[in-house]
């Protein structure tokens, strides 16, 4: 069950996996923040009179931005999953599944 030595190629794949992971995390936070702003905060602030009603015109843009962030996050997640072969290279005995 000893891992094989990690070379330059494996380190490159590991750094790609980590980049995809943290970028996916940022896009998921962008998705949630835009959706929360468009669906909860803006209607509440307009309803209480803290913001003018013209601010509600921004909601469709925030929804589109939120959906696009979710799409990019899904793409990055599936790119990260494609690189999972690294674990089979480092640990050839498949103890993690």
C-alpha atoms as a PDB file:
ATOM      1  CA  UNK A   1       0.000   0.000   0.000  1.00  0.00           C
ATOM      2  CA  UNK A   2       3.007   2.272  -0.283  1.00  0.00           C
ATOM      3  CA  UNK A   3       2.548   5.136  -2.713  1.00  0.00           C
ATOM      4  CA  UNK A   4       4.790   5.406  -5.746  1.00  0.00           C
ATOM      5  CA  UNK A   5       7.163   8.361  -5.926  1.00  0.00           C
ATOM      6  CA  UNK A   6       5.550  11.502  -7.297  1.00  0.00           C
ATOM      7  CA  UNK A   7       7.215  12.998 -10.358  1.00  0.00           C
ATOM      8  CA  UNK A   8       6.797  16.254 -12.228  1.00  0.00           C
ATOM      9  CA  UNK A   9       3.777  15.060 -14.205  1.00  0.00           C
ATOM     10  CA  UNK A  10       1.918  13.998 -11.061  1.00  0.00           C
ATOM     11  CA  UNK A  11       2.684  17.286  -9.317  1.00  0.00           C
ATOM     12  CA  UNK A  12       1.373  19.139 -12.362  1.00  0.00           C
ATOM     13  CA  UNK A  13      -1.859  17.132 -12.294  1.00  0.00           C
ATOM     14  CA  UNK A  14      -2.218  17.679  -8.547  1.00  0.00           C
ATOM     15  CA  UNK A  15      -1.827  21.433  -8.993  1.00  0.00           C
ATOM     16  CA  UNK A  16      -4.434  21.374 -11.786  1.00  0.00           C
ATOM     17  CA  UNK A  17      -6.855  19.504  -9.532  1.00  0.00           C
ATOM     18  CA  UNK A  18      -6.354  22.058  -6.758  1.00  0.00           C
ATOM     19  CA  UNK A  19      -6.766  24.989  -9.160  1.00  0.00           C
ATOM     20  CA  UNK A  20      -9.983  23.509 -10.509  1.00  0.00           C
ATOM     21  CA  UNK A  21     -11.215  22.858  -6.966  1.00  0.00           C
ATOM     22  CA  UNK A  22     -10.626  26.366  -5.648  1.00  0.00           C
ATOM     23  CA  UNK A  23     -11.895  28.032  -8.822  1.00  0.00           C
ATOM     24  CA  UNK A  24     -15.038  25.888  -8.632  1.00  0.00           C
ATOM     25  CA  UNK A  25     -15.460  26.989  -5.037  1.00  0.00           C
ATOM     26  CA  UNK A  26     -15.209  30.652  -6.033  1.00  0.00           C
ATOM     27  CA  UNK A  27     -17.793  30.249  -8.784  1.00  0.00           C
ATOM     28  CA  UNK A  28     -20.173  28.433  -6.416  1.00  0.00           C
ATOM     29  CA  UNK A  29     -19.852  31.320  -3.963  1.00  0.00           C
ATOM     30  CA  UNK A  30     -20.560  33.713  -6.861  1.00  0.00           C
ATOM     31  CA  UNK A  31     -23.625  31.667  -7.816  1.00  0.00           C
ATOM     32  CA  UNK A  32     -24.996  31.649  -4.280  1.00  0.00           C
ATOM     33  CA  UNK A  33     -24.243  35.313  -3.642  1.00  0.00           C
ATOM     34  CA  UNK A  34     -25.876  36.551  -6.828  1.00  0.00           C
ATOM     35  CA  UNK A  35     -28.903  34.330  -6.350  1.00  0.00           C
ATOM     36  CA  UNK A  36     -29.312  35.439  -2.739  1.00  0.00           C
ATOM     37  CA  UNK A  37     -28.987  39.078  -3.714  1.00  0.00           C
ATOM     38  CA  UNK A  38     -31.472  38.802  -6.581  1.00  0.00           C
ATOM     39  CA  UNK A  39     -34.017  36.564  -4.912  1.00  0.00           C
ATOM     40  CA  UNK A  40     -33.969  37.667  -1.262  1.00  0.00           C
ATOM     41  CA  UNK A  41     -32.185  40.914  -0.514  1.00  0.00           C
ATOM     42  CA  UNK A  42     -33.355  43.157  -3.346  1.00  0.00           C
ATOM     43  CA  UNK A  43     -37.093  42.374  -3.028  1.00  0.00           C
ATOM     44  CA  UNK A  44     -36.885  42.778   0.723  1.00  0.00           C
ATOM     45  CA  UNK A  45     -35.067  46.117   0.563  1.00  0.00           C
ATOM     46  CA  UNK A  46     -37.412  47.448  -2.123  1.00  0.00           C
ATOM     47  CA  UNK A  47     -40.442  46.218  -0.165  1.00  0.00           C
ATOM     48  CA  UNK A  48     -39.361  48.048   2.983  1.00  0.00           C
ATOM     49  CA  UNK A  49     -38.552  51.209   1.058  1.00  0.00           C
ATOM     50  CA  UNK A  50     -34.811  51.228   1.672  1.00  0.00           C
ATOM     51  CA  UNK A  51     -34.134  51.071  -2.078  1.00  0.00           C
ATOM     52  CA  UNK A  52     -36.069  52.590  -4.975  1.00  0.00           C
ATOM     53  CA  UNK A  53     -38.218  50.330  -7.170  1.00  0.00           C
ATOM     54  CA  UNK A  54     -35.929  50.873 -10.159  1.00  0.00           C
ATOM     55  CA  UNK A  55     -33.369  48.622  -8.482  1.00  0.00           C
ATOM     56  CA  UNK A  56     -35.629  45.673  -9.314  1.00  0.00           C
ATOM     57  CA  UNK A  57     -34.513  46.034 -12.949  1.00  0.00           C
ATOM     58  CA  UNK A  58     -31.152  44.594 -11.890  1.00  0.00           C
ATOM     59  CA  UNK A  59     -32.678  41.247 -10.858  1.00  0.00           C
ATOM     60  CA  UNK A  60     -32.692  39.606 -14.327  1.00  0.00           C
ATOM     61  CA  UNK A  61     -29.020  40.481 -14.785  1.00  0.00           C
ATOM     62  CA  UNK A  62     -28.186  38.933 -11.419  1.00  0.00           C
ATOM     63  CA  UNK A  63     -30.153  35.785 -12.294  1.00  0.00           C
ATOM     64  CA  UNK A  64     -28.266  35.413 -15.588  1.00  0.00           C
ATOM     65  CA  UNK A  65     -24.961  36.015 -13.814  1.00  0.00           C
ATOM     66  CA  UNK A  66     -25.887  33.450 -11.184  1.00  0.00           C
ATOM     67  CA  UNK A  67     -26.805  30.779 -13.734  1.00  0.00           C
ATOM     68  CA  UNK A  68     -23.622  31.449 -15.706  1.00  0.00           C
ATOM     69  CA  UNK A  69     -21.536  31.058 -12.525  1.00  0.00           C
ATOM     70  CA  UNK A  70     -23.251  27.736 -11.892  1.00  0.00           C
ATOM     71  CA  UNK A  71     -22.501  26.586 -15.439  1.00  0.00           C
ATOM     72  CA  UNK A  72     -18.829  27.500 -15.176  1.00  0.00           C
ATOM     73  CA  UNK A  73     -18.620  25.792 -11.780  1.00  0.00           C
ATOM     74  CA  UNK A  74     -20.145  22.608 -13.212  1.00  0.00           C
ATOM     75  CA  UNK A  75     -17.700  22.661 -16.130  1.00  0.00           C
ATOM     76  CA  UNK A  76     -14.718  23.126 -13.807  1.00  0.00           C
ATOM     77  CA  UNK A  77     -15.971  20.371 -11.503  1.00  0.00           C
ATOM     78  CA  UNK A  78     -16.213  17.875 -14.346  1.00  0.00           C
ATOM     79  CA  UNK A  79     -12.747  18.886 -15.567  1.00  0.00           C
ATOM     80  CA  UNK A  80     -11.482  18.193 -12.051  1.00  0.00           C
ATOM     81  CA  UNK A  81     -13.176  14.779 -12.016  1.00  0.00           C
ATOM     82  CA  UNK A  82     -11.470  13.901 -15.310  1.00  0.00           C
ATOM     83  CA  UNK A  83      -8.085  14.240 -13.576  1.00  0.00           C
ATOM     84  CA  UNK A  84      -8.909  11.674 -10.884  1.00  0.00           C
ATOM     85  CA  UNK A  85      -6.613   9.171 -12.618  1.00  0.00           C
ATOM     86  CA  UNK A  86      -3.781  10.769 -10.660  1.00  0.00           C
ATOM     87  CA  UNK A  87      -4.821   8.828  -7.570  1.00  0.00           C
ATOM     88  CA  UNK A  88      -4.531   5.545  -9.455  1.00  0.00           C
ATOM     89  CA  UNK A  89      -1.019   6.527 -10.534  1.00  0.00           C
ATOM     90  CA  UNK A  90       0.149   7.411  -7.041  1.00  0.00           C
ATOM     91  CA  UNK A  91      -1.762   4.650  -5.204  1.00  0.00           C
ATOM     92  CA  UNK A  92      -2.035   1.677  -7.589  1.00  0.00           C
ATOM     93  CA  UNK A  93      -3.924  -0.577  -5.123  1.00  0.00           C
ATOM     94  CA  UNK A  94      -7.231   1.400  -5.243  1.00  0.00           C
ATOM     95  CA  UNK A  95      -7.746   1.522  -1.488  1.00  0.00           C
ATOM     96  CA  UNK A  96      -9.834   4.699  -1.712  1.00  0.00           C
ATOM     97  CA  UNK A  97     -12.805   3.119  -3.566  1.00  0.00           C
END
